[in-house]
Amino acid sequence: MSHIVEIKTEMRDSLAISTACRRLALKEPVQGIAQLFSESVTGLLVELPGWCYPVVIDTTSGTVRYDNYGGRWGEQRHLERLTQIYAVEKAKIEARRRGYTASERTLQDGSILVSIEVGN
């Protein structure tokens, strides 16, 4: 039986964030304070390719704060890819935690199909 699921991603799992960063060949995220253009914010700092400021993830609330000046200081696609891979890794972590088998397949449009096998 197949089910379609829509997910609103909140980044709360630091292990899934770290795993996504490794998968995307990004530096390991670090807890800290970052000065974005107009304010200082605290959280897990992720450096994206070509971005002037890090992405700051508050794992307590799941919110992601960043300043890419409408794409002038960093391409939005890098954040979208991080979010996508985070969601995939989080789904796989939760499946394994429950004893299920998880696999993934990248589709032609760039989306990722995650399949979870509950049992035999």
PDB file of N, CA and C in Angstrom:
ATOM      1  N   MET A   1       0.847  -1.171   0.000  1.00  0.00           N
ATOM      2  CA  MET A   1       0.000   0.000   0.000  1.00  0.00           C
ATOM      3  C   MET A   1       0.896   1.239   0.000  1.00  0.00           C
ATOM      4  N   SER A   2       0.546   2.210  -0.772  1.00  0.00           N
ATOM      5  CA  SER A   2       1.336   3.432  -0.898  1.00  0.00           C
ATOM      6  C   SER A   2       0.557   4.602  -0.309  1.00  0.00           C
ATOM      7  N   HIS A   3       1.285   5.530   0.285  1.00  0.00           N
ATOM      8  CA  HIS A   3       0.667   6.725   0.855  1.00  0.00           C
ATOM      9  C   HIS A   3       1.474   7.943   0.422  1.00  0.00           C
ATOM     10  N   ILE A   4       0.788   9.027   0.142  1.00  0.00           N
ATOM     11  CA  ILE A   4       1.446  10.288  -0.187  1.00  0.00           C
ATOM     12  C   ILE A   4       1.455  11.137   1.082  1.00  0.00           C
ATOM     13  N   VAL A   5       2.616  11.684   1.404  1.00  0.00           N
ATOM     14  CA  VAL A   5       2.773  12.472   2.611  1.00  0.00           C
ATOM     15  C   VAL A   5       3.316  13.837   2.247  1.00  0.00           C
ATOM     16  N   GLU A   6       2.762  14.870   2.832  1.00  0.00           N
ATOM     17  CA  GLU A   6       3.298  16.222   2.669  1.00  0.00           C
ATOM     18  C   GLU A   6       3.936  16.606   3.994  1.00  0.00           C
ATOM     19  N   ILE A   7       5.147  17.147   3.932  1.00  0.00           N
ATOM     20  CA  ILE A   7       5.894  17.450   5.146  1.00  0.00           C
ATOM     21  C   ILE A   7       6.254  18.929   5.188  1.00  0.00           C
ATOM     22  N   LYS A   8       5.953  19.580   6.304  1.00  0.00           N
ATOM     23  CA  LYS A   8       6.451  20.921   6.570  1.00  0.00           C
ATOM     24  C   LYS A   8       7.693  20.719   7.425  1.00  0.00           C
ATOM     25  N   THR A   9       8.833  21.095   6.908  1.00  0.00           N
ATOM     26  CA  THR A   9      10.084  20.784   7.577  1.00  0.00           C
ATOM     27  C   THR A   9      10.439  21.822   8.631  1.00  0.00           C
ATOM     28  N   GLU A  10      10.615  21.340   9.855  1.00  0.00           N
ATOM     29  CA  GLU A  10      11.195  22.116  10.940  1.00  0.00           C
ATOM     30  C   GLU A  10      12.476  21.393  11.311  1.00  0.00           C
ATOM     31  N   MET A  11      13.565  22.089  11.339  1.00  0.00           N
ATOM     32  CA  MET A  11      14.855  21.451  11.619  1.00  0.00           C
ATOM     33  C   MET A  11      15.101  21.419  13.123  1.00  0.00           C
ATOM     34  N   ARG A  12      14.816  20.262  13.722  1.00  0.00           N
ATOM     35  CA  ARG A  12      14.951  20.096  15.171  1.00  0.00           C
ATOM     36  C   ARG A  12      15.988  19.053  15.567  1.00  0.00           C
ATOM     37  N   ASP A  13      16.411  18.229  14.640  1.00  0.00           N
ATOM     38  CA  ASP A  13      17.289  17.105  14.954  1.00  0.00           C
ATOM     39  C   ASP A  13      18.717  17.427  14.518  1.00  0.00           C
ATOM     40  N   SER A  14      19.594  17.651  15.495  1.00  0.00           N
ATOM     41  CA  SER A  14      20.975  18.030  15.161  1.00  0.00           C
ATOM     42  C   SER A  14      21.721  16.899  14.454  1.00  0.00           C
ATOM     43  N   LEU A  15      21.398  15.635  14.749  1.00  0.00           N
ATOM     44  CA  LEU A  15      22.026  14.518  14.047  1.00  0.00           C
ATOM     45  C   LEU A  15      21.644  14.534  12.567  1.00  0.00           C
ATOM     46  N   ALA A  16      20.374  14.750  12.269  1.00  0.00           N
ATOM     47  CA  ALA A  16      19.931  14.806  10.871  1.00  0.00           C
ATOM     48  C   ALA A  16      20.548  16.008  10.154  1.00  0.00           C
ATOM     49  N   ILE A  17      20.716  17.117  10.859  1.00  0.00           N
ATOM     50  CA  ILE A  17      21.353  18.296  10.263  1.00  0.00           C
ATOM     51  C   ILE A  17      22.809  17.978   9.930  1.00  0.00           C
ATOM     52  N   SER A  18      23.513  17.381  10.878  1.00  0.00           N
ATOM     53  CA  SER A  18      24.916  17.014  10.650  1.00  0.00           C
ATOM     54  C   SER A  18      25.054  16.015   9.504  1.00  0.00           C
ATOM     55  N   THR A  19      24.172  15.034   9.474  1.00  0.00           N
ATOM     56  CA  THR A  19      24.205  14.027   8.410  1.00  0.00           C
ATOM     57  C   THR A  19      23.950  14.673   7.054  1.00  0.00           C
ATOM     58  N   ALA A  20      22.997  15.585   6.997  1.00  0.00           N
ATOM     59  CA  ALA A  20      22.705  16.291   5.743  1.00  0.00           C
ATOM     60  C   ALA A  20      23.914  17.117   5.303  1.00  0.00           C
ATOM     61  N   CYS A  21      24.570  17.776   6.248  1.00  0.00           N
ATOM     62  CA  CYS A  21      25.758  18.578   5.907  1.00  0.00           C
ATOM     63  C   CYS A  21      26.873  17.700   5.355  1.00  0.00           C
ATOM     64  N   ARG A  22      27.117  16.558   5.987  1.00  0.00           N
ATOM     65  CA  ARG A  22      28.147  15.642   5.483  1.00  0.00           C
ATOM     66  C   ARG A  22      27.788  15.165   4.076  1.00  0.00           C
ATOM     67  N   ARG A  23      26.543  14.808   3.889  1.00  0.00           N
ATOM     68  CA  ARG A  23      26.099  14.319   2.585  1.00  0.00           C
ATOM     69  C   ARG A  23      26.286  15.379   1.498  1.00  0.00           C
ATOM     70  N   LEU A  24      26.105  16.644   1.854  1.00  0.00           N
ATOM     71  CA  LEU A  24      26.261  17.741   0.898  1.00  0.00           C
ATOM     72  C   LEU A  24      27.685  18.291   0.868  1.00  0.00           C
ATOM     73  N   ALA A  25      28.599  17.638   1.566  1.00  0.00           N
ATOM     74  CA  ALA A  25      30.010  18.044   1.639  1.00  0.00           C
ATOM     75  C   ALA A  25      30.159  19.455   2.190  1.00  0.00           C
ATOM     76  N   LEU A  26      29.348  19.782   3.197  1.00  0.00           N
ATOM     77  CA  LEU A  26      29.446  21.068   3.888  1.00  0.00           C
ATOM     78  C   LEU A  26      30.242  20.871   5.164  1.00  0.00           C
ATOM     79  N   LYS A  27      30.746  21.973   5.715  1.00  0.00           N
ATOM     80  CA  LYS A  27      31.429  21.899   7.005  1.00  0.00           C
ATOM     81  C   LYS A  27      30.446  21.424   8.069  1.00  0.00           C
ATOM     82  N   GLU A  28      30.981  20.753   9.079  1.00  0.00           N
ATOM     83  CA  GLU A  28      30.157  20.294  10.191  1.00  0.00           C
ATOM     84  C   GLU A  28      29.529  21.513  10.871  1.00  0.00           C
ATOM     85  N   PRO A  29      28.227  21.487  11.142  1.00  0.00           N
ATOM     86  CA  PRO A  29      27.600  22.635  11.813  1.00  0.00           C
ATOM     87  C   PRO A  29      28.114  22.778  13.242  1.00  0.00           C
ATOM     88  N   VAL A  30      28.170  24.014  13.723  1.00  0.00           N
ATOM     89  CA  VAL A  30      28.621  24.282  15.086  1.00  0.00           C
ATOM     90  C   VAL A  30      27.614  25.174  15.791  1.00  0.00           C
ATOM     91  N   GLN A  31      27.477  24.957  17.087  1.00  0.00           N
ATOM     92  CA  GLN A  31      26.614  25.808  17.899  1.00  0.00           C
ATOM     93  C   GLN A  31      27.326  27.135  18.114  1.00  0.00           C
ATOM     94  N   GLY A  32      26.611  28.241  17.945  1.00  0.00           N
ATOM     95  CA  GLY A  32      27.249  29.529  18.154  1.00  0.00           C
ATOM     96  C   GLY A  32      26.328  30.706  17.913  1.00  0.00           C
ATOM     97  N   ILE A  33      26.940  31.857  17.860  1.00  0.00           N
ATOM     98  CA  ILE A  33      26.237  33.113  17.598  1.00  0.00           C
ATOM     99  C   ILE A  33      26.753  33.653  16.278  1.00  0.00           C
ATOM    100  N   ALA A  34      25.840  34.049  15.416  1.00  0.00           N
ATOM    101  CA  ALA A  34      26.231  34.616  14.123  1.00  0.00           C
ATOM    102  C   ALA A  34      25.668  36.018  13.995  1.00  0.00           C
ATOM    103  N   GLN A  35      26.464  36.888  13.444  1.00  0.00           N
ATOM    104  CA  GLN A  35      26.005  38.236  13.128  1.00  0.00           C
ATOM    105  C   GLN A  35      25.491  38.195  11.695  1.00  0.00           C
ATOM    106  N   LEU A  36      24.165  38.206  11.562  1.00  0.00           N
ATOM    107  CA  LEU A  36      23.596  38.356  10.231  1.00  0.00           C
ATOM    108  C   LEU A  36      23.668  39.841   9.909  1.00  0.00           C
ATOM    109  N   PHE A  37      23.199  40.263   8.780  1.00  0.00           N
ATOM    110  CA  PHE A  37      23.381  41.659   8.395  1.00  0.00           C
ATOM    111  C   PHE A  37      22.899  42.630   9.468  1.00  0.00           C
ATOM    112  N   SER A  38      21.692  42.416   9.983  1.00  0.00           N
ATOM    113  CA  SER A  38      21.119  43.405  10.894  1.00  0.00           C
ATOM    114  C   SER A  38      20.956  42.936  12.334  1.00  0.00           C
ATOM    115  N   GLU A  39      21.281  41.686  12.645  1.00  0.00           N
ATOM    116  CA  GLU A  39      21.106  41.206  14.015  1.00  0.00           C
ATOM    117  C   GLU A  39      21.977  39.996  14.300  1.00  0.00           C
ATOM    118  N   SER A  40      22.165  39.738  15.602  1.00  0.00           N
ATOM    119  CA  SER A  40      22.874  38.541  16.042  1.00  0.00           C
ATOM    120  C   SER A  40      21.848  37.480  16.401  1.00  0.00           C
ATOM    121  N   VAL A  41      22.123  36.239  15.977  1.00  0.00           N
ATOM    122  CA  VAL A  41      21.228  35.129  16.298  1.00  0.00           C
ATOM    123  C   VAL A  41      22.052  33.937  16.773  1.00  0.00           C
ATOM    124  N   THR A  42      21.443  33.132  17.633  1.00  0.00           N
ATOM    125  CA  THR A  42      22.109  31.976  18.227  1.00  0.00           C
ATOM    126  C   THR A  42      21.468  30.699  17.716  1.00  0.00           C
ATOM    127  N   GLY A  43      22.308  29.696  17.458  1.00  0.00           N
ATOM    128  CA  GLY A  43      21.801  28.401  17.037  1.00  0.00           C
ATOM    129  C   GLY A  43      22.901  27.570  16.416  1.00  0.00           C
ATOM    130  N   LEU A  44      22.507  26.584  15.669  1.00  0.00           N
ATOM    131  CA  LEU A  44      23.433  25.721  14.951  1.00  0.00           C
ATOM    132  C   LEU A  44      23.787  26.428  13.643  1.00  0.00           C
ATOM    133  N   LEU A  45      25.065  26.712  13.427  1.00  0.00           N
ATOM    134  CA  LEU A  45      25.514  27.489  12.270  1.00  0.00           C
ATOM    135  C   LEU A  45      25.928  26.554  11.133  1.00  0.00           C
ATOM    136  N   VAL A  46      25.346  26.794   9.966  1.00  0.00           N
ATOM    137  CA  VAL A  46      25.656  26.006   8.775  1.00  0.00           C
ATOM    138  C   VAL A  46      26.129  26.956   7.686  1.00  0.00           C
ATOM    139  N   GLU A  47      27.318  26.679   7.159  1.00  0.00           N
ATOM    140  CA  GLU A  47      27.862  27.498   6.072  1.00  0.00           C
ATOM    141  C   GLU A  47      27.489  26.875   4.737  1.00  0.00           C
ATOM    142  N   LEU A  48      26.784  27.653   3.918  1.00  0.00           N
ATOM    143  CA  LEU A  48      26.397  27.193   2.588  1.00  0.00           C
ATOM    144  C   LEU A  48      27.342  27.781   1.546  1.00  0.00           C
ATOM    145  N   PRO A  49      27.548  27.089   0.431  1.00  0.00           N
ATOM    146  CA  PRO A  49      28.489  27.559  -0.599  1.00  0.00           C
ATOM    147  C   PRO A  49      28.112  28.942  -1.147  1.00  0.00           C
ATOM    148  N   GLY A  50      29.077  29.858  -1.084  1.00  0.00           N
ATOM    149  CA  GLY A  50      28.887  31.189  -1.653  1.00  0.00           C
ATOM    150  C   GLY A  50      28.030  32.138  -0.841  1.00  0.00           C
ATOM    151  N   TRP A  51      27.587  31.737   0.320  1.00  0.00           N
ATOM    152  CA  TRP A  51      26.745  32.601   1.147  1.00  0.00           C
ATOM    153  C   TRP A  51      27.624  33.527   1.994  1.00  0.00           C
ATOM    154  N   CYS A  52      27.194  34.782   2.131  1.00  0.00           N
ATOM    155  CA  CYS A  52      27.932  35.750   2.956  1.00  0.00           C
ATOM    156  C   CYS A  52      27.777  35.468   4.448  1.00  0.00           C
ATOM    157  N   TYR A  53      26.612  34.982   4.844  1.00  0.00           N
ATOM    158  CA  TYR A  53      26.318  34.716   6.249  1.00  0.00           C
ATOM    159  C   TYR A  53      25.879  33.259   6.398  1.00  0.00           C
ATOM    160  N   PRO A  54      26.118  32.669   7.572  1.00  0.00           N
ATOM    161  CA  PRO A  54      25.671  31.291   7.774  1.00  0.00           C
ATOM    162  C   PRO A  54      24.153  31.220   7.944  1.00  0.00           C
ATOM    163  N   VAL A  55      23.618  30.058   7.748  1.00  0.00           N
ATOM    164  CA  VAL A  55      22.244  29.753   8.106  1.00  0.00           C
ATOM    165  C   VAL A  55      22.283  29.395   9.591  1.00  0.00           C
ATOM    166  N   VAL A  56      21.332  29.903  10.358  1.00  0.00           N
ATOM    167  CA  VAL A  56      21.310  29.658  11.797  1.00  0.00           C
ATOM    168  C   VAL A  56      20.032  28.888  12.131  1.00  0.00           C
ATOM    169  N   ILE A  57      20.212  27.688  12.671  1.00  0.00           N
ATOM    170  CA  ILE A  57      19.083  26.810  12.950  1.00  0.00           C
ATOM    171  C   ILE A  57      18.870  26.725  14.456  1.00  0.00           C
ATOM    172  N   ASP A  58      17.678  27.087  14.901  1.00  0.00           N
ATOM    173  CA  ASP A  58      17.285  26.946  16.300  1.00  0.00           C
ATOM    174  C   ASP A  58      16.598  25.595  16.416  1.00  0.00           C
ATOM    175  N   THR A  59      17.307  24.582  16.926  1.00  0.00           N
ATOM    176  CA  THR A  59      16.753  23.234  16.977  1.00  0.00           C
ATOM    177  C   THR A  59      15.640  23.090  18.018  1.00  0.00           C
ATOM    178  N   THR A  60      15.518  24.042  18.924  1.00  0.00           N
ATOM    179  CA  THR A  60      14.423  24.004  19.902  1.00  0.00           C
ATOM    180  C   THR A  60      13.097  24.339  19.219  1.00  0.00           C
ATOM    181  N   SER A  61      13.086  25.380  18.417  1.00  0.00           N
ATOM    182  CA  SER A  61      11.855  25.804  17.731  1.00  0.00           C
ATOM    183  C   SER A  61      11.744  25.229  16.321  1.00  0.00           C
ATOM    184  N   GLY A  62      12.880  24.804  15.764  1.00  0.00           N
ATOM    185  CA  GLY A  62      12.884  24.295  14.396  1.00  0.00           C
ATOM    186  C   GLY A  62      13.030  25.365  13.337  1.00  0.00           C
ATOM    187  N   THR A  63      13.163  26.625  13.766  1.00  0.00           N
ATOM    188  CA  THR A  63      13.235  27.720  12.801  1.00  0.00           C
ATOM    189  C   THR A  63      14.640  27.876  12.216  1.00  0.00           C
ATOM    190  N   VAL A  64      14.663  28.367  10.999  1.00  0.00           N
ATOM    191  CA  VAL A  64      15.910  28.617  10.281  1.00  0.00           C
ATOM    192  C   VAL A  64      15.960  30.108   9.984  1.00  0.00           C
ATOM    193  N   ARG A  65      17.041  30.765  10.408  1.00  0.00           N
ATOM    194  CA  ARG A  65      17.207  32.203  10.167  1.00  0.00           C
ATOM    195  C   ARG A  65      18.394  32.390   9.236  1.00  0.00           C
ATOM    196  N   TYR A  66      18.243  33.306   8.300  1.00  0.00           N
ATOM    197  CA  TYR A  66      19.331  33.567   7.357  1.00  0.00           C
ATOM    198  C   TYR A  66      19.109  34.920   6.701  1.00  0.00           C
ATOM    199  N   ASP A  67      20.165  35.420   6.079  1.00  0.00           N
ATOM    200  CA  ASP A  67      20.073  36.653   5.307  1.00  0.00           C
ATOM    201  C   ASP A  67      20.882  36.444   4.036  1.00  0.00           C
ATOM    202  N   ASN A  68      20.173  36.265   2.945  1.00  0.00           N
ATOM    203  CA  ASN A  68      20.871  36.121   1.663  1.00  0.00           C
ATOM    204  C   ASN A  68      20.511  37.270   0.724  1.00  0.00           C
ATOM    205  N   TYR A  69      19.892  38.320   1.275  1.00  0.00           N
ATOM    206  CA  TYR A  69      19.567  39.548   0.547  1.00  0.00           C
ATOM    207  C   TYR A  69      18.879  39.236  -0.779  1.00  0.00           C
ATOM    208  N   GLY A  70      17.815  38.423  -0.661  1.00  0.00           N
ATOM    209  CA  GLY A  70      17.034  38.093  -1.842  1.00  0.00           C
ATOM    210  C   GLY A  70      17.825  37.344  -2.901  1.00  0.00           C
ATOM    211  N   GLY A  71      18.812  36.590  -2.484  1.00  0.00           N
ATOM    212  CA  GLY A  71      19.618  35.819  -3.429  1.00  0.00           C
ATOM    213  C   GLY A  71      20.916  36.491  -3.844  1.00  0.00           C
ATOM    214  N   ARG A  72      21.116  37.739  -3.427  1.00  0.00           N
ATOM    215  CA  ARG A  72      22.353  38.442  -3.802  1.00  0.00           C
ATOM    216  C   ARG A  72      23.548  37.986  -2.964  1.00  0.00           C
ATOM    217  N   TRP A  73      23.278  37.495  -1.745  1.00  0.00           N
ATOM    218  CA  TRP A  73      24.357  37.071  -0.854  1.00  0.00           C
ATOM    219  C   TRP A  73      24.401  35.553  -0.693  1.00  0.00           C
ATOM    220  N   GLY A  74      23.689  34.856  -1.533  1.00  0.00           N
ATOM    221  CA  GLY A  74      23.669  33.396  -1.474  1.00  0.00           C
ATOM    222  C   GLY A  74      22.491  32.847  -2.241  1.00  0.00           C
ATOM    223  N   GLU A  75      22.742  31.812  -3.007  1.00  0.00           N
ATOM    224  CA  GLU A  75      21.684  31.236  -3.831  1.00  0.00           C
ATOM    225  C   GLU A  75      20.722  30.417  -2.974  1.00  0.00           C
ATOM    226  N   GLN A  76      19.435  30.708  -3.112  1.00  0.00           N
ATOM    227  CA  GLN A  76      18.387  30.045  -2.335  1.00  0.00           C
ATOM    228  C   GLN A  76      18.393  28.528  -2.549  1.00  0.00           C
ATOM    229  N   ARG A  77      18.812  28.084  -3.712  1.00  0.00           N
ATOM    230  CA  ARG A  77      18.801  26.647  -4.006  1.00  0.00           C
ATOM    231  C   ARG A  77      19.662  25.845  -3.037  1.00  0.00           C
ATOM    232  N   HIS A  78      20.707  26.475  -2.483  1.00  0.00           N
ATOM    233  CA  HIS A  78      21.556  25.767  -1.522  1.00  0.00           C
ATOM    234  C   HIS A  78      20.783  25.484  -0.226  1.00  0.00           C
ATOM    235  N   LEU A  79      19.996  26.440   0.219  1.00  0.00           N
ATOM    236  CA  LEU A  79      19.179  26.233   1.413  1.00  0.00           C
ATOM    237  C   LEU A  79      18.066  25.232   1.123  1.00  0.00           C
ATOM    238  N   GLU A  80      17.468  25.313  -0.041  1.00  0.00           N
ATOM    239  CA  GLU A  80      16.418  24.363  -0.410  1.00  0.00           C
ATOM    240  C   GLU A  80      16.957  22.941  -0.457  1.00  0.00           C
ATOM    241  N   ARG A  81      18.170  22.770  -0.960  1.00  0.00           N
ATOM    242  CA  ARG A  81      18.785  21.442  -1.018  1.00  0.00           C
ATOM    243  C   ARG A  81      19.089  20.927   0.390  1.00  0.00           C
ATOM    244  N   LEU A  82      19.609  21.795   1.271  1.00  0.00           N
ATOM    245  CA  LEU A  82      19.853  21.408   2.659  1.00  0.00           C
ATOM    246  C   LEU A  82      18.551  20.955   3.317  1.00  0.00           C
ATOM    247  N   THR A  83      17.487  21.695   3.117  1.00  0.00           N
ATOM    248  CA  THR A  83      16.193  21.354   3.699  1.00  0.00           C
ATOM    249  C   THR A  83      15.698  20.013   3.172  1.00  0.00           C
ATOM    250  N   GLN A  84      15.840  19.795   1.875  1.00  0.00           N
ATOM    251  CA  GLN A  84      15.414  18.540   1.269  1.00  0.00           C
ATOM    252  C   GLN A  84      16.183  17.351   1.854  1.00  0.00           C
ATOM    253  N   ILE A  85      17.499  17.475   1.910  1.00  0.00           N
ATOM    254  CA  ILE A  85      18.316  16.375   2.401  1.00  0.00           C
ATOM    255  C   ILE A  85      18.101  16.167   3.897  1.00  0.00           C
ATOM    256  N   TYR A  86      17.897  17.242   4.649  1.00  0.00           N
ATOM    257  CA  TYR A  86      17.553  17.104   6.068  1.00  0.00           C
ATOM    258  C   TYR A  86      16.295  16.264   6.225  1.00  0.00           C
ATOM    259  N   ALA A  87      15.254  16.582   5.454  1.00  0.00           N
ATOM    260  CA  ALA A  87      13.977  15.851   5.559  1.00  0.00           C
ATOM    261  C   ALA A  87      14.162  14.370   5.235  1.00  0.00           C
ATOM    262  N   VAL A  88      14.960  14.072   4.219  1.00  0.00           N
ATOM    263  CA  VAL A  88      15.229  12.682   3.846  1.00  0.00           C
ATOM    264  C   VAL A  88      15.959  11.968   4.980  1.00  0.00           C
ATOM    265  N   GLU A  89      17.009  12.584   5.493  1.00  0.00           N
ATOM    266  CA  GLU A  89      17.794  11.959   6.557  1.00  0.00           C
ATOM    267  C   GLU A  89      16.975  11.787   7.834  1.00  0.00           C
ATOM    268  N   LYS A  90      16.151  12.763   8.168  1.00  0.00           N
ATOM    269  CA  LYS A  90      15.303  12.667   9.364  1.00  0.00           C
ATOM    270  C   LYS A  90      14.305  11.529   9.208  1.00  0.00           C
ATOM    271  N   ALA A  91      13.703  11.387   8.038  1.00  0.00           N
ATOM    272  CA  ALA A  91      12.753  10.293   7.800  1.00  0.00           C
ATOM    273  C   ALA A  91      13.446   8.944   7.946  1.00  0.00           C
ATOM    274  N   LYS A  92      14.649   8.821   7.411  1.00  0.00           N
ATOM    275  CA  LYS A  92      15.390   7.563   7.503  1.00  0.00           C
ATOM    276  C   LYS A  92      15.792   7.257   8.950  1.00  0.00           C
ATOM    277  N   ILE A  93      16.210   8.273   9.700  1.00  0.00           N
ATOM    278  CA  ILE A  93      16.571   8.089  11.109  1.00  0.00           C
ATOM    279  C   ILE A  93      15.362   7.588  11.898  1.00  0.00           C
ATOM    280  N   GLU A  94      14.215   8.220  11.699  1.00  0.00           N
ATOM    281  CA  GLU A  94      13.002   7.831  12.434  1.00  0.00           C
ATOM    282  C   GLU A  94      12.545   6.430  12.040  1.00  0.00           C
ATOM    283  N   ALA A  95      12.658   6.084  10.769  1.00  0.00           N
ATOM    284  CA  ALA A  95      12.280   4.738  10.322  1.00  0.00           C
ATOM    285  C   ALA A  95      13.166   3.696  10.994  1.00  0.00           C
ATOM    286  N   ARG A  96      14.473   3.920  10.954  1.00  0.00           N
ATOM    287  CA  ARG A  96      15.409   2.969  11.572  1.00  0.00           C
ATOM    288  C   ARG A  96      15.187   2.867  13.083  1.00  0.00           C
ATOM    289  N   ARG A  97      14.877   3.990  13.706  1.00  0.00           N
ATOM    290  CA  ARG A  97      14.629   4.007  15.149  1.00  0.00           C
ATOM    291  C   ARG A  97      13.459   3.089  15.515  1.00  0.00           C
ATOM    292  N   ARG A  98      12.524   2.952  14.603  1.00  0.00           N
ATOM    293  CA  ARG A  98      11.338   2.110  14.839  1.00  0.00           C
ATOM    294  C   ARG A  98      11.516   0.690  14.294  1.00  0.00           C
ATOM    295  N   GLY A  99      12.717   0.401  13.788  1.00  0.00           N
ATOM    296  CA  GLY A  99      12.989  -0.940  13.293  1.00  0.00           C
ATOM    297  C   GLY A  99      12.562  -1.180  11.859  1.00  0.00           C
ATOM    298  N   TYR A 100      12.264  -0.117  11.120  1.00  0.00           N
ATOM    299  CA  TYR A 100      11.843  -0.236   9.733  1.00  0.00           C
ATOM    300  C   TYR A 100      13.046  -0.088   8.809  1.00  0.00           C
ATOM    301  N   THR A 101      12.850  -0.476   7.569  1.00  0.00           N
ATOM    302  CA  THR A 101      13.874  -0.322   6.551  1.00  0.00           C
ATOM    303  C   THR A 101      13.509   0.879   5.694  1.00  0.00           C
ATOM    304  N   ALA A 102      14.470   1.739   5.440  1.00  0.00           N
ATOM    305  CA  ALA A 102      14.223   2.927   4.617  1.00  0.00           C
ATOM    306  C   ALA A 102      15.186   2.937   3.442  1.00  0.00           C
ATOM    307  N   SER A 103      14.669   3.324   2.296  1.00  0.00           N
ATOM    308  CA  SER A 103      15.506   3.485   1.114  1.00  0.00           C
ATOM    309  C   SER A 103      15.049   4.751   0.396  1.00  0.00           C
ATOM    310  N   GLU A 104      15.888   5.213  -0.506  1.00  0.00           N
ATOM    311  CA  GLU A 104      15.535   6.427  -1.241  1.00  0.00           C
ATOM    312  C   GLU A 104      15.916   6.294  -2.697  1.00  0.00           C
ATOM    313  N   ARG A 105      15.227   7.084  -3.499  1.00  0.00           N
ATOM    314  CA  ARG A 105      15.510   7.106  -4.925  1.00  0.00           C
ATOM    315  C   ARG A 105      15.280   8.532  -5.421  1.00  0.00           C
ATOM    316  N   THR A 106      16.265   9.066  -6.124  1.00  0.00           N
ATOM    317  CA  THR A 106      16.127  10.405  -6.695  1.00  0.00           C
ATOM    318  C   THR A 106      15.350  10.298  -7.999  1.00  0.00           C
ATOM    319  N   LEU A 107      14.313  11.099  -8.112  1.00  0.00           N
ATOM    320  CA  LEU A 107      13.470  11.100  -9.300  1.00  0.00           C
ATOM    321  C   LEU A 107      14.012  12.063 -10.344  1.00  0.00           C
ATOM    322  N   GLN A 108      13.500  11.949 -11.535  1.00  0.00           N
ATOM    323  CA  GLN A 108      13.994  12.734 -12.661  1.00  0.00           C
ATOM    324  C   GLN A 108      13.881  14.245 -12.421  1.00  0.00           C
ATOM    325  N   ASP A 109      12.854  14.669 -11.664  1.00  0.00           N
ATOM    326  CA  ASP A 109      12.661  16.099 -11.408  1.00  0.00           C
ATOM    327  C   ASP A 109      13.501  16.617 -10.241  1.00  0.00           C
ATOM    328  N   GLY A 110      14.326  15.745  -9.632  1.00  0.00           N
ATOM    329  CA  GLY A 110      15.182  16.157  -8.524  1.00  0.00           C
ATOM    330  C   GLY A 110      14.581  15.889  -7.157  1.00  0.00           C
ATOM    331  N   SER A 111      13.311  15.545  -7.119  1.00  0.00           N
ATOM    332  CA  SER A 111      12.714  15.201  -5.829  1.00  0.00           C
ATOM    333  C   SER A 111      13.224  13.819  -5.404  1.00  0.00           C
ATOM    334  N   ILE A 112      13.050  13.515  -4.140  1.00  0.00           N
ATOM    335  CA  ILE A 112      13.556  12.256  -3.603  1.00  0.00           C
ATOM    336  C   ILE A 112      12.387  11.469  -3.029  1.00  0.00           C
ATOM    337  N   LEU A 113      12.256  10.240  -3.479  1.00  0.00           N
ATOM    338  CA  LEU A 113      11.233   9.336  -2.983  1.00  0.00           C
ATOM    339  C   LEU A 113      11.852   8.496  -1.875  1.00  0.00           C
ATOM    340  N   VAL A 114      11.296   8.607  -0.669  1.00  0.00           N
ATOM    341  CA  VAL A 114      11.753   7.801   0.460  1.00  0.00           C
ATOM    342  C   VAL A 114      10.722   6.708   0.667  1.00  0.00           C
ATOM    343  N   SER A 115      11.174   5.465   0.632  1.00  0.00           N
ATOM    344  CA  SER A 115      10.293   4.316   0.864  1.00  0.00           C
ATOM    345  C   SER A 115      10.634   3.701   2.200  1.00  0.00           C
ATOM    346  N   ILE A 116       9.606   3.424   2.984  1.00  0.00           N
ATOM    347  CA  ILE A 116       9.788   2.830   4.297  1.00  0.00           C
ATOM    348  C   ILE A 116       9.032   1.516   4.330  1.00  0.00           C
ATOM    349  N   GLU A 117       9.768   0.454   4.627  1.00  0.00           N
ATOM    350  CA  GLU A 117       9.164  -0.872   4.714  1.00  0.00           C
ATOM    351  C   GLU A 117       8.936  -1.191   6.177  1.00  0.00           C
ATOM    352  N   VAL A 118       7.664  -1.401   6.526  1.00  0.00           N
ATOM    353  CA  VAL A 118       7.271  -1.603   7.912  1.00  0.00           C
ATOM    354  C   VAL A 118       7.547  -3.038   8.361  1.00  0.00           C
ATOM    355  N   GLY A 119       7.359  -3.982   7.532  1.00  0.00           N
ATOM    356  CA  GLY A 119       7.596  -5.371   7.925  1.00  0.00           C
ATOM    357  C   GLY A 119       7.434  -6.281   6.734  1.00  0.00           C
ATOM    358  N   ASN A 120       7.526  -7.574   6.983  1.00  0.00           N
ATOM    359  CA  ASN A 120       7.402  -8.542   5.889  1.00  0.00           C
ATOM    360  C   ASN A 120       5.966  -8.832   5.577  1.00  0.00           C
TER     361      ASN A 120
END
